[in-house]
């Protein structure tokens, strides 16, 4: 993203809207970065390219009511 990274979006979301789920999508293969974003509160992490059905499943899970 030209103006801020996914990690920065995650930081803003945690501060401004803590209940909004965030799914990070990255074109970089960095396992530690993926782990860190999940540890820091991201709902999911997808590496590009990803299948649309995988994205749809993650989004559906992110917005589903808690059990």
PDB file of N, CA and C in Angstrom:
ATOM      1  N   UNK A   1       0.846  -1.165   0.000  1.00  0.00           N
ATOM      2  CA  UNK A   1       0.000   0.000   0.000  1.00  0.00           C
ATOM      3  C   UNK A   1       0.891   1.227   0.000  1.00  0.00           C
ATOM      4  N   UNK A   2       0.512   2.209  -0.725  1.00  0.00           N
ATOM      5  CA  UNK A   2       1.398   3.366  -0.857  1.00  0.00           C
ATOM      6  C   UNK A   2       1.525   4.226   0.393  1.00  0.00           C
ATOM      7  N   UNK A   3       0.484   4.270   1.231  1.00  0.00           N
ATOM      8  CA  UNK A   3       0.530   5.208   2.340  1.00  0.00           C
ATOM      9  C   UNK A   3       0.855   4.583   3.694  1.00  0.00           C
ATOM     10  N   UNK A   4       0.557   3.306   3.859  1.00  0.00           N
ATOM     11  CA  UNK A   4       0.890   2.658   5.127  1.00  0.00           C
ATOM     12  C   UNK A   4       0.944   1.152   4.918  1.00  0.00           C
ATOM     13  N   UNK A   5       1.715   0.506   5.743  1.00  0.00           N
ATOM     14  CA  UNK A   5       1.868  -0.948   5.630  1.00  0.00           C
ATOM     15  C   UNK A   5       0.708  -1.650   6.330  1.00  0.00           C
ATOM     16  N   UNK A   6       0.580  -2.942   6.086  1.00  0.00           N
ATOM     17  CA  UNK A   6      -0.438  -3.728   6.767  1.00  0.00           C
ATOM     18  C   UNK A   6      -0.255  -3.723   8.268  1.00  0.00           C
ATOM     19  N   UNK A   7       0.980  -3.736   8.712  1.00  0.00           N
ATOM     20  CA  UNK A   7       1.268  -3.695  10.150  1.00  0.00           C
ATOM     21  C   UNK A   7       0.784  -2.364  10.741  1.00  0.00           C
ATOM     22  N   UNK A   8       0.973  -1.280  10.001  1.00  0.00           N
ATOM     23  CA  UNK A   8       0.487   0.023  10.480  1.00  0.00           C
ATOM     24  C   UNK A   8      -1.043   0.050  10.522  1.00  0.00           C
ATOM     25  N   UNK A   9      -1.696  -0.564   9.533  1.00  0.00           N
ATOM     26  CA  UNK A   9      -3.158  -0.663   9.547  1.00  0.00           C
ATOM     27  C   UNK A   9      -3.602  -1.433  10.789  1.00  0.00           C
ATOM     28  N   UNK A  10      -2.922  -2.526  11.065  1.00  0.00           N
ATOM     29  CA  UNK A  10      -3.241  -3.331  12.238  1.00  0.00           C
ATOM     30  C   UNK A  10      -3.091  -2.514  13.521  1.00  0.00           C
ATOM     31  N   UNK A  11      -2.028  -1.742  13.624  1.00  0.00           N
ATOM     32  CA  UNK A  11      -1.816  -0.896  14.805  1.00  0.00           C
ATOM     33  C   UNK A  11      -2.937   0.119  14.967  1.00  0.00           C
ATOM     34  N   UNK A  12      -3.323   0.778  13.872  1.00  0.00           N
ATOM     35  CA  UNK A  12      -4.407   1.769  13.916  1.00  0.00           C
ATOM     36  C   UNK A  12      -5.724   1.102  14.302  1.00  0.00           C
ATOM     37  N   UNK A  13      -5.980  -0.061  13.738  1.00  0.00           N
ATOM     38  CA  UNK A  13      -7.226  -0.779  14.019  1.00  0.00           C
ATOM     39  C   UNK A  13      -7.308  -1.141  15.489  1.00  0.00           C
ATOM     40  N   UNK A  14      -6.224  -1.628  16.048  1.00  0.00           N
ATOM     41  CA  UNK A  14      -6.231  -2.005  17.466  1.00  0.00           C
ATOM     42  C   UNK A  14      -6.540  -0.809  18.348  1.00  0.00           C
ATOM     43  N   UNK A  15      -6.067   0.332  17.953  1.00  0.00           N
ATOM     44  CA  UNK A  15      -6.258   1.548  18.741  1.00  0.00           C
ATOM     45  C   UNK A  15      -7.656   2.146  18.517  1.00  0.00           C
ATOM     46  N   UNK A  16      -8.087   2.227  17.253  1.00  0.00           N
ATOM     47  CA  UNK A  16      -9.309   2.954  16.916  1.00  0.00           C
ATOM     48  C   UNK A  16     -10.573   2.100  16.891  1.00  0.00           C
ATOM     49  N   UNK A  17     -10.451   0.837  16.568  1.00  0.00           N
ATOM     50  CA  UNK A  17     -11.623  -0.033  16.454  1.00  0.00           C
ATOM     51  C   UNK A  17     -11.209  -1.465  16.794  1.00  0.00           C
ATOM     52  N   UNK A  18     -11.024  -1.743  18.071  1.00  0.00           N
ATOM     53  CA  UNK A  18     -10.434  -3.021  18.473  1.00  0.00           C
ATOM     54  C   UNK A  18     -11.233  -4.265  18.107  1.00  0.00           C
ATOM     55  N   UNK A  19     -12.509  -4.125  17.776  1.00  0.00           N
ATOM     56  CA  UNK A  19     -13.296  -5.311  17.433  1.00  0.00           C
ATOM     57  C   UNK A  19     -13.318  -5.612  15.936  1.00  0.00           C
ATOM     58  N   UNK A  20     -12.752  -4.743  15.130  1.00  0.00           N
ATOM     59  CA  UNK A  20     -12.729  -4.943  13.675  1.00  0.00           C
ATOM     60  C   UNK A  20     -11.641  -5.948  13.308  1.00  0.00           C
ATOM     61  N   UNK A  21     -12.016  -7.085  12.683  1.00  0.00           N
ATOM     62  CA  UNK A  21     -10.987  -8.056  12.309  1.00  0.00           C
ATOM     63  C   UNK A  21     -10.166  -7.562  11.113  1.00  0.00           C
ATOM     64  N   UNK A  22      -8.890  -7.865  11.130  1.00  0.00           N
ATOM     65  CA  UNK A  22      -7.987  -7.475  10.047  1.00  0.00           C
ATOM     66  C   UNK A  22      -7.330  -8.731   9.482  1.00  0.00           C
ATOM     67  N   UNK A  23      -7.380  -8.844   8.165  1.00  0.00           N
ATOM     68  CA  UNK A  23      -6.691  -9.928   7.468  1.00  0.00           C
ATOM     69  C   UNK A  23      -5.557  -9.286   6.676  1.00  0.00           C
ATOM     70  N   UNK A  24      -4.346  -9.687   6.964  1.00  0.00           N
ATOM     71  CA  UNK A  24      -3.170  -9.159   6.278  1.00  0.00           C
ATOM     72  C   UNK A  24      -2.923  -9.979   5.022  1.00  0.00           C
ATOM     73  N   UNK A  25      -2.702  -9.290   3.908  1.00  0.00           N
ATOM     74  CA  UNK A  25      -2.347  -9.941   2.646  1.00  0.00           C
ATOM     75  C   UNK A  25      -0.998  -9.395   2.212  1.00  0.00           C
ATOM     76  N   UNK A  26      -0.065 -10.300   1.921  1.00  0.00           N
ATOM     77  CA  UNK A  26       1.285  -9.858   1.594  1.00  0.00           C
ATOM     78  C   UNK A  26       1.833 -10.612   0.392  1.00  0.00           C
ATOM     79  N   UNK A  27       2.617  -9.928  -0.373  1.00  0.00           N
ATOM     80  CA  UNK A  27       3.307 -10.543  -1.493  1.00  0.00           C
ATOM     81  C   UNK A  27       4.679 -11.064  -1.101  1.00  0.00           C
ATOM     82  N   UNK A  28       5.035 -10.882   0.157  1.00  0.00           N
ATOM     83  CA  UNK A  28       6.348 -11.309   0.635  1.00  0.00           C
ATOM     84  C   UNK A  28       6.239 -12.590   1.439  1.00  0.00           C
ATOM     85  N   UNK A  29       7.171 -13.467   1.243  1.00  0.00           N
ATOM     86  CA  UNK A  29       7.198 -14.705   2.016  1.00  0.00           C
ATOM     87  C   UNK A  29       8.100 -14.495   3.227  1.00  0.00           C
ATOM     88  N   UNK A  30       7.479 -14.187   4.340  1.00  0.00           N
ATOM     89  CA  UNK A  30       8.208 -13.921   5.572  1.00  0.00           C
ATOM     90  C   UNK A  30       7.429 -14.552   6.721  1.00  0.00           C
ATOM     91  N   UNK A  31       7.810 -15.754   7.084  1.00  0.00           N
ATOM     92  CA  UNK A  31       7.082 -16.513   8.095  1.00  0.00           C
ATOM     93  C   UNK A  31       7.077 -15.771   9.428  1.00  0.00           C
ATOM     94  N   UNK A  32       8.176 -15.188   9.804  1.00  0.00           N
ATOM     95  CA  UNK A  32       8.231 -14.476  11.085  1.00  0.00           C
ATOM     96  C   UNK A  32       7.309 -13.261  11.077  1.00  0.00           C
ATOM     97  N   UNK A  33       7.237 -12.542   9.966  1.00  0.00           N
ATOM     98  CA  UNK A  33       6.322 -11.398   9.867  1.00  0.00           C
ATOM     99  C   UNK A  33       4.876 -11.870   9.993  1.00  0.00           C
ATOM    100  N   UNK A  34       4.550 -12.999   9.373  1.00  0.00           N
ATOM    101  CA  UNK A  34       3.200 -13.553   9.473  1.00  0.00           C
ATOM    102  C   UNK A  34       2.883 -13.899  10.921  1.00  0.00           C
ATOM    103  N   UNK A  35       3.794 -14.559  11.580  1.00  0.00           N
ATOM    104  CA  UNK A  35       3.590 -14.916  12.993  1.00  0.00           C
ATOM    105  C   UNK A  35       3.423 -13.671  13.858  1.00  0.00           C
ATOM    106  N   UNK A  36       4.233 -12.670  13.592  1.00  0.00           N
ATOM    107  CA  UNK A  36       4.175 -11.439  14.379  1.00  0.00           C
ATOM    108  C   UNK A  36       2.835 -10.737  14.202  1.00  0.00           C
ATOM    109  N   UNK A  37       2.320 -10.662  12.979  1.00  0.00           N
ATOM    110  CA  UNK A  37       1.039  -9.990  12.769  1.00  0.00           C
ATOM    111  C   UNK A  37      -0.102 -10.758  13.444  1.00  0.00           C
ATOM    112  N   UNK A  38      -0.034 -12.078  13.405  1.00  0.00           N
ATOM    113  CA  UNK A  38      -1.060 -12.876  14.081  1.00  0.00           C
ATOM    114  C   UNK A  38      -0.957 -12.700  15.598  1.00  0.00           C
ATOM    115  N   UNK A  39       0.270 -12.669  16.102  1.00  0.00           N
ATOM    116  CA  UNK A  39       0.494 -12.445  17.533  1.00  0.00           C
ATOM    117  C   UNK A  39      -0.019 -11.065  17.947  1.00  0.00           C
ATOM    118  N   UNK A  40       0.113 -10.104  17.037  1.00  0.00           N
ATOM    119  CA  UNK A  40      -0.285  -8.726  17.336  1.00  0.00           C
ATOM    120  C   UNK A  40      -1.773  -8.473  17.109  1.00  0.00           C
ATOM    121  N   UNK A  41      -2.517  -9.509  16.733  1.00  0.00           N
ATOM    122  CA  UNK A  41      -3.962  -9.349  16.670  1.00  0.00           C
ATOM    123  C   UNK A  41      -4.617  -9.477  15.312  1.00  0.00           C
ATOM    124  N   UNK A  42      -3.847  -9.730  14.265  1.00  0.00           N
ATOM    125  CA  UNK A  42      -4.487  -9.940  12.963  1.00  0.00           C
ATOM    126  C   UNK A  42      -5.325 -11.203  13.017  1.00  0.00           C
ATOM    127  N   UNK A  43      -6.472 -11.183  12.364  1.00  0.00           N
ATOM    128  CA  UNK A  43      -7.318 -12.365  12.343  1.00  0.00           C
ATOM    129  C   UNK A  43      -6.719 -13.438  11.437  1.00  0.00           C
ATOM    130  N   UNK A  44      -6.096 -13.000  10.353  1.00  0.00           N
ATOM    131  CA  UNK A  44      -5.516 -13.954   9.418  1.00  0.00           C
ATOM    132  C   UNK A  44      -4.403 -13.330   8.613  1.00  0.00           C
ATOM    133  N   UNK A  45      -3.672 -14.161   7.913  1.00  0.00           N
ATOM    134  CA  UNK A  45      -2.542 -13.719   7.089  1.00  0.00           C
ATOM    135  C   UNK A  45      -2.552 -14.558   5.823  1.00  0.00           C
ATOM    136  N   UNK A  46      -2.667 -13.913   4.685  1.00  0.00           N
ATOM    137  CA  UNK A  46      -2.656 -14.607   3.401  1.00  0.00           C
ATOM    138  C   UNK A  46      -1.478 -14.109   2.572  1.00  0.00           C
ATOM    139  N   UNK A  47      -0.794 -15.047   1.957  1.00  0.00           N
ATOM    140  CA  UNK A  47       0.323 -14.704   1.078  1.00  0.00           C
ATOM    141  C   UNK A  47      -0.166 -14.708  -0.361  1.00  0.00           C
ATOM    142  N   UNK A  48       0.122 -13.627  -1.087  1.00  0.00           N
ATOM    143  CA  UNK A  48      -0.266 -13.520  -2.493  1.00  0.00           C
ATOM    144  C   UNK A  48       0.647 -14.378  -3.349  1.00  0.00           C
ATOM    145  N   UNK A  49       0.161 -14.961  -4.384  1.00  0.00           N
ATOM    146  CA  UNK A  49      -1.250 -15.018  -4.769  1.00  0.00           C
ATOM    147  C   UNK A  49      -1.980 -16.034  -3.909  1.00  0.00           C
ATOM    148  N   UNK A  50      -3.243 -15.755  -3.642  1.00  0.00           N
ATOM    149  CA  UNK A  50      -4.067 -16.684  -2.877  1.00  0.00           C
ATOM    150  C   UNK A  50      -5.327 -16.979  -3.684  1.00  0.00           C
ATOM    151  N   UNK A  51      -5.938 -18.091  -3.338  1.00  0.00           N
ATOM    152  CA  UNK A  51      -7.173 -18.468  -4.023  1.00  0.00           C
ATOM    153  C   UNK A  51      -8.336 -17.684  -3.418  1.00  0.00           C
ATOM    154  N   UNK A  52      -9.253 -17.276  -4.260  1.00  0.00           N
ATOM    155  CA  UNK A  52     -10.384 -16.473  -3.805  1.00  0.00           C
ATOM    156  C   UNK A  52     -11.247 -17.237  -2.801  1.00  0.00           C
ATOM    157  N   UNK A  53     -11.344 -18.557  -2.953  1.00  0.00           N
ATOM    158  CA  UNK A  53     -12.145 -19.320  -1.998  1.00  0.00           C
ATOM    159  C   UNK A  53     -11.487 -19.334  -0.618  1.00  0.00           C
ATOM    160  N   UNK A  54     -10.184 -19.286  -0.582  1.00  0.00           N
ATOM    161  CA  UNK A  54      -9.472 -19.207   0.706  1.00  0.00           C
ATOM    162  C   UNK A  54      -9.746 -17.850   1.359  1.00  0.00           C
ATOM    163  N   UNK A  55      -9.657 -16.786   0.577  1.00  0.00           N
ATOM    164  CA  UNK A  55      -9.962 -15.446   1.088  1.00  0.00           C
ATOM    165  C   UNK A  55     -11.403 -15.385   1.589  1.00  0.00           C
ATOM    166  N   UNK A  56     -12.325 -15.926   0.815  1.00  0.00           N
ATOM    167  CA  UNK A  56     -13.735 -15.911   1.211  1.00  0.00           C
ATOM    168  C   UNK A  56     -13.939 -16.649   2.530  1.00  0.00           C
ATOM    169  N   UNK A  57     -13.249 -17.763   2.710  1.00  0.00           N
ATOM    170  CA  UNK A  57     -13.360 -18.516   3.957  1.00  0.00           C
ATOM    171  C   UNK A  57     -12.821 -17.748   5.147  1.00  0.00           C
ATOM    172  N   UNK A  58     -11.701 -17.084   4.960  1.00  0.00           N
ATOM    173  CA  UNK A  58     -11.105 -16.305   6.049  1.00  0.00           C
ATOM    174  C   UNK A  58     -12.009 -15.130   6.410  1.00  0.00           C
ATOM    175  N   UNK A  59     -12.544 -14.453   5.404  1.00  0.00           N
ATOM    176  CA  UNK A  59     -13.433 -13.314   5.661  1.00  0.00           C
ATOM    177  C   UNK A  59     -14.706 -13.777   6.359  1.00  0.00           C
ATOM    178  N   UNK A  60     -15.279 -14.898   5.892  1.00  0.00           N
ATOM    179  CA  UNK A  60     -16.483 -15.428   6.527  1.00  0.00           C
ATOM    180  C   UNK A  60     -16.219 -15.752   7.997  1.00  0.00           C
ATOM    181  N   UNK A  61     -15.086 -16.365   8.281  1.00  0.00           N
ATOM    182  CA  UNK A  61     -14.736 -16.686   9.658  1.00  0.00           C
ATOM    183  C   UNK A  61     -14.517 -15.414  10.488  1.00  0.00           C
ATOM    184  N   UNK A  62     -13.928 -14.393   9.859  1.00  0.00           N
ATOM    185  CA  UNK A  62     -13.630 -13.150  10.573  1.00  0.00           C
ATOM    186  C   UNK A  62     -14.902 -12.406  10.989  1.00  0.00           C
ATOM    187  N   UNK A  63     -15.941 -12.489  10.178  1.00  0.00           N
ATOM    188  CA  UNK A  63     -17.156 -11.727  10.482  1.00  0.00           C
ATOM    189  C   UNK A  63     -18.237 -12.581  11.145  1.00  0.00           C
ATOM    190  N   UNK A  64     -17.975 -13.879  11.309  1.00  0.00           N
ATOM    191  CA  UNK A  64     -18.967 -14.754  11.966  1.00  0.00           C
ATOM    192  C   UNK A  64     -19.106 -14.388  13.426  1.00  0.00           C
ATOM    193  N   UNK A  65     -20.323 -14.482  13.937  1.00  0.00           N
ATOM    194  CA  UNK A  65     -20.498 -14.198  15.372  1.00  0.00           C
ATOM    195  C   UNK A  65     -19.724 -15.204  16.214  1.00  0.00           C
ATOM    196  N   UNK A  66     -19.211 -14.775  17.354  1.00  0.00           N
ATOM    197  CA  UNK A  66     -18.479 -15.702  18.231  1.00  0.00           C
ATOM    198  C   UNK A  66     -19.405 -16.786  18.763  1.00  0.00           C
ATOM    199  N   UNK A  67     -18.849 -17.943  19.015  1.00  0.00           N
ATOM    200  CA  UNK A  67     -19.648 -19.055  19.559  1.00  0.00           C
ATOM    201  C   UNK A  67     -19.913 -18.888  21.017  1.00  0.00           C
TER     202      UNK A  67
END
